[in-house]
Amino acid sequence: MANQQLTPDNLKSILAYSVEVARKAGTLILQGSDVITSASMQSGIGEKKNSVDLVTEYDVKVEELIKSEFKSKYPEFGL
């Protein structure tokens, strides 16, 4: 799509792909939430320390997922 004007069909395709990637990211976030909850319940150490570390880890994973998915499908998009 470099140097190409975005048509309504292009935009619909990008939107559909964005929703697909968002669903993958949502699944990853839910997995992270389960891990954080499990770690908090099993840990004798404070919940906050473990939760913050795990939240940061899953934030990074979600960001990497989104970047890699869009770079793969739309390499001309600057993210």
PDB file of N, CA and C in Angstrom:
ATOM      1  N   MET A   1       0.794  -1.200   0.000  1.00  0.00           N
ATOM      2  CA  MET A   1       0.000   0.000   0.000  1.00  0.00           C
ATOM      3  C   MET A   1       0.839   1.269   0.000  1.00  0.00           C
ATOM      4  N   ALA A   2       2.152   1.111  -0.049  1.00  0.00           N
ATOM      5  CA  ALA A   2       3.020   2.286  -0.073  1.00  0.00           C
ATOM      6  C   ALA A   2       2.679   3.138  -1.285  1.00  0.00           C
ATOM      7  N   ASN A   3       2.575   4.425  -1.047  1.00  0.00           N
ATOM      8  CA  ASN A   3       2.231   5.387  -2.092  1.00  0.00           C
ATOM      9  C   ASN A   3       0.887   5.079  -2.753  1.00  0.00           C
ATOM     10  N   GLN A   4       0.061   4.384  -2.061  1.00  0.00           N
ATOM     11  CA  GLN A   4      -1.264   4.041  -2.562  1.00  0.00           C
ATOM     12  C   GLN A   4      -2.304   4.759  -1.732  1.00  0.00           C
ATOM     13  N   GLN A   5      -3.339   5.227  -2.374  1.00  0.00           N
ATOM     14  CA  GLN A   5      -4.412   5.867  -1.632  1.00  0.00           C
ATOM     15  C   GLN A   5      -5.269   4.779  -0.995  1.00  0.00           C
ATOM     16  N   LEU A   6      -5.652   5.003   0.223  1.00  0.00           N
ATOM     17  CA  LEU A   6      -6.486   4.032   0.919  1.00  0.00           C
ATOM     18  C   LEU A   6      -7.918   4.141   0.418  1.00  0.00           C
ATOM     19  N   THR A   7      -8.431   3.029  -0.034  1.00  0.00           N
ATOM     20  CA  THR A   7      -9.803   2.968  -0.521  1.00  0.00           C
ATOM     21  C   THR A   7     -10.690   2.454   0.608  1.00  0.00           C
ATOM     22  N   PRO A   8     -12.001   2.587   0.464  1.00  0.00           N
ATOM     23  CA  PRO A   8     -12.892   2.001   1.471  1.00  0.00           C
ATOM     24  C   PRO A   8     -12.641   0.508   1.677  1.00  0.00           C
ATOM     25  N   ASP A   9     -12.339  -0.217   0.597  1.00  0.00           N
ATOM     26  CA  ASP A   9     -12.050  -1.646   0.732  1.00  0.00           C
ATOM     27  C   ASP A   9     -10.757  -1.889   1.510  1.00  0.00           C
ATOM     28  N   ASN A  10      -9.718  -1.065   1.231  1.00  0.00           N
ATOM     29  CA  ASN A  10      -8.471  -1.166   1.994  1.00  0.00           C
ATOM     30  C   ASN A  10      -8.728  -0.931   3.482  1.00  0.00           C
ATOM     31  N   LEU A  11      -9.501   0.108   3.764  1.00  0.00           N
ATOM     32  CA  LEU A  11      -9.789   0.447   5.162  1.00  0.00           C
ATOM     33  C   LEU A  11     -10.583  -0.651   5.849  1.00  0.00           C
ATOM     34  N   LYS A  12     -11.518  -1.255   5.135  1.00  0.00           N
ATOM     35  CA  LYS A  12     -12.290  -2.372   5.715  1.00  0.00           C
ATOM     36  C   LYS A  12     -11.376  -3.553   6.015  1.00  0.00           C
ATOM     37  N   SER A  13     -10.457  -3.811   5.113  1.00  0.00           N
ATOM     38  CA  SER A  13      -9.504  -4.904   5.317  1.00  0.00           C
ATOM     39  C   SER A  13      -8.604  -4.627   6.523  1.00  0.00           C
ATOM     40  N   ILE A  14      -8.124  -3.399   6.619  1.00  0.00           N
ATOM     41  CA  ILE A  14      -7.273  -3.014   7.751  1.00  0.00           C
ATOM     42  C   ILE A  14      -8.059  -3.105   9.055  1.00  0.00           C
ATOM     43  N   LEU A  15      -9.301  -2.666   9.035  1.00  0.00           N
ATOM     44  CA  LEU A  15     -10.138  -2.751  10.230  1.00  0.00           C
ATOM     45  C   LEU A  15     -10.343  -4.210  10.645  1.00  0.00           C
ATOM     46  N   ALA A  16     -10.667  -5.064   9.687  1.00  0.00           N
ATOM     47  CA  ALA A  16     -10.883  -6.482  10.000  1.00  0.00           C
ATOM     48  C   ALA A  16      -9.618  -7.098  10.595  1.00  0.00           C
ATOM     49  N   TYR A  17      -8.477  -6.766  10.020  1.00  0.00           N
ATOM     50  CA  TYR A  17      -7.217  -7.283  10.534  1.00  0.00           C
ATOM     51  C   TYR A  17      -6.932  -6.729  11.927  1.00  0.00           C
ATOM     52  N   SER A  18      -7.222  -5.459  12.131  1.00  0.00           N
ATOM     53  CA  SER A  18      -7.018  -4.830  13.445  1.00  0.00           C
ATOM     54  C   SER A  18      -7.853  -5.517  14.521  1.00  0.00           C
ATOM     55  N   VAL A  19      -9.072  -5.859  14.180  1.00  0.00           N
ATOM     56  CA  VAL A  19      -9.945  -6.564  15.126  1.00  0.00           C
ATOM     57  C   VAL A  19      -9.368  -7.944  15.439  1.00  0.00           C
ATOM     58  N   GLU A  20      -8.870  -8.623  14.406  1.00  0.00           N
ATOM     59  CA  GLU A  20      -8.254  -9.944  14.598  1.00  0.00           C
ATOM     60  C   GLU A  20      -7.055  -9.853  15.549  1.00  0.00           C
ATOM     61  N   VAL A  21      -6.205  -8.862  15.325  1.00  0.00           N
ATOM     62  CA  VAL A  21      -5.027  -8.670  16.183  1.00  0.00           C
ATOM     63  C   VAL A  21      -5.465  -8.280  17.599  1.00  0.00           C
ATOM     64  N   ALA A  22      -6.477  -7.451  17.708  1.00  0.00           N
ATOM     65  CA  ALA A  22      -6.980  -7.047  19.032  1.00  0.00           C
ATOM     66  C   ALA A  22      -7.502  -8.252  19.806  1.00  0.00           C
ATOM     67  N   ARG A  23      -8.150  -9.166  19.111  1.00  0.00           N
ATOM     68  CA  ARG A  23      -8.637 -10.390  19.777  1.00  0.00           C
ATOM     69  C   ARG A  23      -7.464 -11.245  20.268  1.00  0.00           C
ATOM     70  N   LYS A  24      -6.413 -11.359  19.458  1.00  0.00           N
ATOM     71  CA  LYS A  24      -5.217 -12.091  19.893  1.00  0.00           C
ATOM     72  C   LYS A  24      -4.603 -11.417  21.123  1.00  0.00           C
ATOM     73  N   ALA A  25      -4.531 -10.100  21.079  1.00  0.00           N
ATOM     74  CA  ALA A  25      -3.975  -9.354  22.209  1.00  0.00           C
ATOM     75  C   ALA A  25      -4.846  -9.545  23.454  1.00  0.00           C
ATOM     76  N   GLY A  26      -6.164  -9.546  23.258  1.00  0.00           N
ATOM     77  CA  GLY A  26      -7.079  -9.768  24.372  1.00  0.00           C
ATOM     78  C   GLY A  26      -6.888 -11.131  25.001  1.00  0.00           C
ATOM     79  N   THR A  27      -6.678 -12.146  24.162  1.00  0.00           N
ATOM     80  CA  THR A  27      -6.421 -13.497  24.674  1.00  0.00           C
ATOM     81  C   THR A  27      -5.139 -13.515  25.496  1.00  0.00           C
ATOM     82  N   LEU A  28      -4.111 -12.831  25.010  1.00  0.00           N
ATOM     83  CA  LEU A  28      -2.850 -12.755  25.734  1.00  0.00           C
ATOM     84  C   LEU A  28      -3.026 -12.012  27.066  1.00  0.00           C
ATOM     85  N   ILE A  29      -3.812 -10.958  27.055  1.00  0.00           N
ATOM     86  CA  ILE A  29      -4.082 -10.207  28.287  1.00  0.00           C
ATOM     87  C   ILE A  29      -4.814 -11.090  29.305  1.00  0.00           C
ATOM     88  N   LEU A  30      -5.779 -11.863  28.833  1.00  0.00           N
ATOM     89  CA  LEU A  30      -6.503 -12.763  29.735  1.00  0.00           C
ATOM     90  C   LEU A  30      -5.576 -13.833  30.302  1.00  0.00           C
ATOM     91  N   GLN A  31      -4.665 -14.343  29.481  1.00  0.00           N
ATOM     92  CA  GLN A  31      -3.682 -15.312  29.983  1.00  0.00           C
ATOM     93  C   GLN A  31      -2.825 -14.668  31.066  1.00  0.00           C
ATOM     94  N   GLY A  32      -2.397 -13.443  30.809  1.00  0.00           N
ATOM     95  CA  GLY A  32      -1.604 -12.722  31.796  1.00  0.00           C
ATOM     96  C   GLY A  32      -2.369 -12.499  33.086  1.00  0.00           C
ATOM     97  N   SER A  33      -3.643 -12.186  32.952  1.00  0.00           N
ATOM     98  CA  SER A  33      -4.477 -11.974  34.134  1.00  0.00           C
ATOM     99  C   SER A  33      -4.568 -13.251  34.967  1.00  0.00           C
ATOM    100  N   ASP A  34      -4.713 -14.384  34.292  1.00  0.00           N
ATOM    101  CA  ASP A  34      -4.764 -15.668  34.998  1.00  0.00           C
ATOM    102  C   ASP A  34      -3.443 -15.952  35.708  1.00  0.00           C
ATOM    103  N   VAL A  35      -2.333 -15.669  35.039  1.00  0.00           N
ATOM    104  CA  VAL A  35      -1.010 -15.888  35.635  1.00  0.00           C
ATOM    105  C   VAL A  35      -0.826 -14.980  36.850  1.00  0.00           C
ATOM    106  N   ILE A  36      -1.220 -13.727  36.707  1.00  0.00           N
ATOM    107  CA  ILE A  36      -1.072 -12.768  37.811  1.00  0.00           C
ATOM    108  C   ILE A  36      -1.921 -13.199  39.007  1.00  0.00           C
ATOM    109  N   THR A  37      -3.151 -13.590  38.738  1.00  0.00           N
ATOM    110  CA  THR A  37      -4.036 -14.043  39.819  1.00  0.00           C
ATOM    111  C   THR A  37      -3.471 -15.275  40.501  1.00  0.00           C
ATOM    112  N   SER A  38      -2.997 -16.222  39.705  1.00  0.00           N
ATOM    113  CA  SER A  38      -2.419 -17.451  40.248  1.00  0.00           C
ATOM    114  C   SER A  38      -1.177 -17.163  41.077  1.00  0.00           C
ATOM    115  N   ALA A  39      -0.300 -16.299  40.566  1.00  0.00           N
ATOM    116  CA  ALA A  39       0.925 -15.963  41.291  1.00  0.00           C
ATOM    117  C   ALA A  39       0.608 -15.251  42.601  1.00  0.00           C
ATOM    118  N   SER A  40      -0.396 -14.403  42.574  1.00  0.00           N
ATOM    119  CA  SER A  40      -0.776 -13.667  43.778  1.00  0.00           C
ATOM    120  C   SER A  40      -1.318 -14.604  44.844  1.00  0.00           C
ATOM    121  N   MET A  41      -2.047 -15.611  44.416  1.00  0.00           N
ATOM    122  CA  MET A  41      -2.651 -16.540  45.371  1.00  0.00           C
ATOM    123  C   MET A  41      -1.615 -17.514  45.929  1.00  0.00           C
ATOM    124  N   GLN A  42      -0.590 -17.844  45.155  1.00  0.00           N
ATOM    125  CA  GLN A  42       0.394 -18.845  45.564  1.00  0.00           C
ATOM    126  C   GLN A  42       1.592 -18.244  46.276  1.00  0.00           C
ATOM    127  N   SER A  43       1.798 -16.964  46.122  1.00  0.00           N
ATOM    128  CA  SER A  43       3.013 -16.335  46.619  1.00  0.00           C
ATOM    129  C   SER A  43       2.887 -15.934  48.078  1.00  0.00           C
ATOM    130  N   GLY A  44       3.950 -16.188  48.829  1.00  0.00           N
ATOM    131  CA  GLY A  44       4.018 -15.694  50.189  1.00  0.00           C
ATOM    132  C   GLY A  44       4.539 -14.267  50.215  1.00  0.00           C
ATOM    133  N   ILE A  45       5.036 -13.811  49.074  1.00  0.00           N
ATOM    134  CA  ILE A  45       5.547 -12.448  48.939  1.00  0.00           C
ATOM    135  C   ILE A  45       4.364 -11.552  48.612  1.00  0.00           C
ATOM    136  N   GLY A  46       4.508 -10.283  48.804  1.00  0.00           N
ATOM    137  CA  GLY A  46       3.423  -9.348  48.561  1.00  0.00           C
ATOM    138  C   GLY A  46       2.868  -9.428  47.146  1.00  0.00           C
ATOM    139  N   GLU A  47       1.564  -9.334  47.034  1.00  0.00           N
ATOM    140  CA  GLU A  47       0.869  -9.415  45.746  1.00  0.00           C
ATOM    141  C   GLU A  47       1.314  -8.315  44.807  1.00  0.00           C
ATOM    142  N   LYS A  48       1.494  -7.130  45.331  1.00  0.00           N
ATOM    143  CA  LYS A  48       1.771  -5.973  44.483  1.00  0.00           C
ATOM    144  C   LYS A  48       3.080  -6.138  43.704  1.00  0.00           C
ATOM    145  N   LYS A  49       4.126  -6.583  44.349  1.00  0.00           N
ATOM    146  CA  LYS A  49       5.411  -6.735  43.676  1.00  0.00           C
ATOM    147  C   LYS A  49       5.302  -7.733  42.529  1.00  0.00           C
ATOM    148  N   ASN A  50       4.733  -8.886  42.772  1.00  0.00           N
ATOM    149  CA  ASN A  50       4.589  -9.898  41.731  1.00  0.00           C
ATOM    150  C   ASN A  50       3.653  -9.422  40.635  1.00  0.00           C
ATOM    151  N   SER A  51       2.569  -8.803  40.994  1.00  0.00           N
ATOM    152  CA  SER A  51       1.596  -8.327  40.015  1.00  0.00           C
ATOM    153  C   SER A  51       2.200  -7.289  39.095  1.00  0.00           C
ATOM    154  N   VAL A  52       2.939  -6.347  39.655  1.00  0.00           N
ATOM    155  CA  VAL A  52       3.537  -5.285  38.843  1.00  0.00           C
ATOM    156  C   VAL A  52       4.518  -5.884  37.846  1.00  0.00           C
ATOM    157  N   ASP A  53       5.354  -6.800  38.293  1.00  0.00           N
ATOM    158  CA  ASP A  53       6.319  -7.433  37.404  1.00  0.00           C
ATOM    159  C   ASP A  53       5.617  -8.193  36.286  1.00  0.00           C
ATOM    160  N   LEU A  54       4.582  -8.932  36.631  1.00  0.00           N
ATOM    161  CA  LEU A  54       3.863  -9.721  35.638  1.00  0.00           C
ATOM    162  C   LEU A  54       3.050  -8.846  34.693  1.00  0.00           C
ATOM    163  N   VAL A  55       2.455  -7.788  35.218  1.00  0.00           N
ATOM    164  CA  VAL A  55       1.712  -6.867  34.357  1.00  0.00           C
ATOM    165  C   VAL A  55       2.665  -6.265  33.332  1.00  0.00           C
ATOM    166  N   THR A  56       3.829  -5.820  33.776  1.00  0.00           N
ATOM    167  CA  THR A  56       4.816  -5.246  32.866  1.00  0.00           C
ATOM    168  C   THR A  56       5.227  -6.274  31.813  1.00  0.00           C
ATOM    169  N   GLU A  57       5.448  -7.501  32.227  1.00  0.00           N
ATOM    170  CA  GLU A  57       5.831  -8.565  31.297  1.00  0.00           C
ATOM    171  C   GLU A  57       4.756  -8.768  30.226  1.00  0.00           C
ATOM    172  N   TYR A  58       3.509  -8.795  30.633  1.00  0.00           N
ATOM    173  CA  TYR A  58       2.423  -9.007  29.668  1.00  0.00           C
ATOM    174  C   TYR A  58       2.150  -7.754  28.838  1.00  0.00           C
ATOM    175  N   ASP A  59       2.369  -6.576  29.386  1.00  0.00           N
ATOM    176  CA  ASP A  59       2.276  -5.344  28.586  1.00  0.00           C
ATOM    177  C   ASP A  59       3.264  -5.413  27.425  1.00  0.00           C
ATOM    178  N   VAL A  60       4.485  -5.830  27.723  1.00  0.00           N
ATOM    179  CA  VAL A  60       5.525  -5.932  26.703  1.00  0.00           C
ATOM    180  C   VAL A  60       5.150  -6.995  25.666  1.00  0.00           C
ATOM    181  N   LYS A  61       4.632  -8.137  26.139  1.00  0.00           N
ATOM    182  CA  LYS A  61       4.231  -9.202  25.218  1.00  0.00           C
ATOM    183  C   LYS A  61       3.126  -8.733  24.270  1.00  0.00           C
ATOM    184  N   VAL A  62       2.162  -8.016  24.794  1.00  0.00           N
ATOM    185  CA  VAL A  62       1.065  -7.511  23.960  1.00  0.00           C
ATOM    186  C   VAL A  62       1.599  -6.505  22.945  1.00  0.00           C
ATOM    187  N   GLU A  63       2.452  -5.605  23.385  1.00  0.00           N
ATOM    188  CA  GLU A  63       3.031  -4.621  22.470  1.00  0.00           C
ATOM    189  C   GLU A  63       3.823  -5.318  21.359  1.00  0.00           C
ATOM    190  N   GLU A  64       4.621  -6.312  21.719  1.00  0.00           N
ATOM    191  CA  GLU A  64       5.406  -7.052  20.725  1.00  0.00           C
ATOM    192  C   GLU A  64       4.499  -7.793  19.747  1.00  0.00           C
ATOM    193  N   LEU A  65       3.431  -8.379  20.249  1.00  0.00           N
ATOM    194  CA  LEU A  65       2.472  -9.079  19.395  1.00  0.00           C
ATOM    195  C   LEU A  65       1.884  -8.123  18.361  1.00  0.00           C
ATOM    196  N   ILE A  66       1.415  -6.982  18.810  1.00  0.00           N
ATOM    197  CA  ILE A  66       0.778  -6.014  17.912  1.00  0.00           C
ATOM    198  C   ILE A  66       1.780  -5.533  16.862  1.00  0.00           C
ATOM    199  N   LYS A  67       2.976  -5.176  17.292  1.00  0.00           N
ATOM    200  CA  LYS A  67       3.989  -4.696  16.353  1.00  0.00           C
ATOM    201  C   LYS A  67       4.347  -5.764  15.325  1.00  0.00           C
ATOM    202  N   SER A  68       4.570  -6.991  15.783  1.00  0.00           N
ATOM    203  CA  SER A  68       4.988  -8.041  14.850  1.00  0.00           C
ATOM    204  C   SER A  68       3.874  -8.411  13.880  1.00  0.00           C
ATOM    205  N   GLU A  69       2.634  -8.444  14.360  1.00  0.00           N
ATOM    206  CA  GLU A  69       1.506  -8.777  13.481  1.00  0.00           C
ATOM    207  C   GLU A  69       1.341  -7.731  12.385  1.00  0.00           C
ATOM    208  N   PHE A  70       1.391  -6.460  12.769  1.00  0.00           N
ATOM    209  CA  PHE A  70       1.209  -5.403  11.773  1.00  0.00           C
ATOM    210  C   PHE A  70       2.423  -5.276  10.850  1.00  0.00           C
ATOM    211  N   LYS A  71       3.609  -5.489  11.395  1.00  0.00           N
ATOM    212  CA  LYS A  71       4.809  -5.425  10.554  1.00  0.00           C
ATOM    213  C   LYS A  71       4.785  -6.545   9.514  1.00  0.00           C
ATOM    214  N   SER A  72       4.278  -7.705   9.910  1.00  0.00           N
ATOM    215  CA  SER A  72       4.183  -8.838   8.994  1.00  0.00           C
ATOM    216  C   SER A  72       3.160  -8.586   7.881  1.00  0.00           C
ATOM    217  N   LYS A  73       1.992  -8.093   8.257  1.00  0.00           N
ATOM    218  CA  LYS A  73       0.901  -7.890   7.288  1.00  0.00           C
ATOM    219  C   LYS A  73       1.041  -6.574   6.527  1.00  0.00           C
ATOM    220  N   TYR A  74       1.445  -5.534   7.210  1.00  0.00           N
ATOM    221  CA  TYR A  74       1.543  -4.199   6.625  1.00  0.00           C
ATOM    222  C   TYR A  74       2.930  -3.606   6.917  1.00  0.00           C
ATOM    223  N   PRO A  75       3.975  -4.110   6.263  1.00  0.00           N
ATOM    224  CA  PRO A  75       5.337  -3.637   6.588  1.00  0.00           C
ATOM    225  C   PRO A  75       5.547  -2.152   6.314  1.00  0.00           C
ATOM    226  N   GLU A  76       4.711  -1.584   5.468  1.00  0.00           N
ATOM    227  CA  GLU A  76       4.854  -0.162   5.148  1.00  0.00           C
ATOM    228  C   GLU A  76       4.290   0.754   6.242  1.00  0.00           C
ATOM    229  N   PHE A  77       3.542   0.198   7.169  1.00  0.00           N
ATOM    230  CA  PHE A  77       3.013   1.006   8.275  1.00  0.00           C
ATOM    231  C   PHE A  77       4.134   1.239   9.274  1.00  0.00           C
ATOM    232  N   GLY A  78       4.280   2.454   9.709  1.00  0.00           N
ATOM    233  CA  GLY A  78       5.284   2.758  10.718  1.00  0.00           C
ATOM    234  C   GLY A  78       4.686   2.661  12.105  1.00  0.00           C
ATOM    235  N   LEU A  79       5.152   1.689  12.849  1.00  0.00           N
ATOM    236  CA  LEU A  79       4.684   1.543  14.237  1.00  0.00           C
ATOM    237  C   LEU A  79       5.835   1.761  15.176  1.00  0.00           C
TER     238      LEU A  79
END
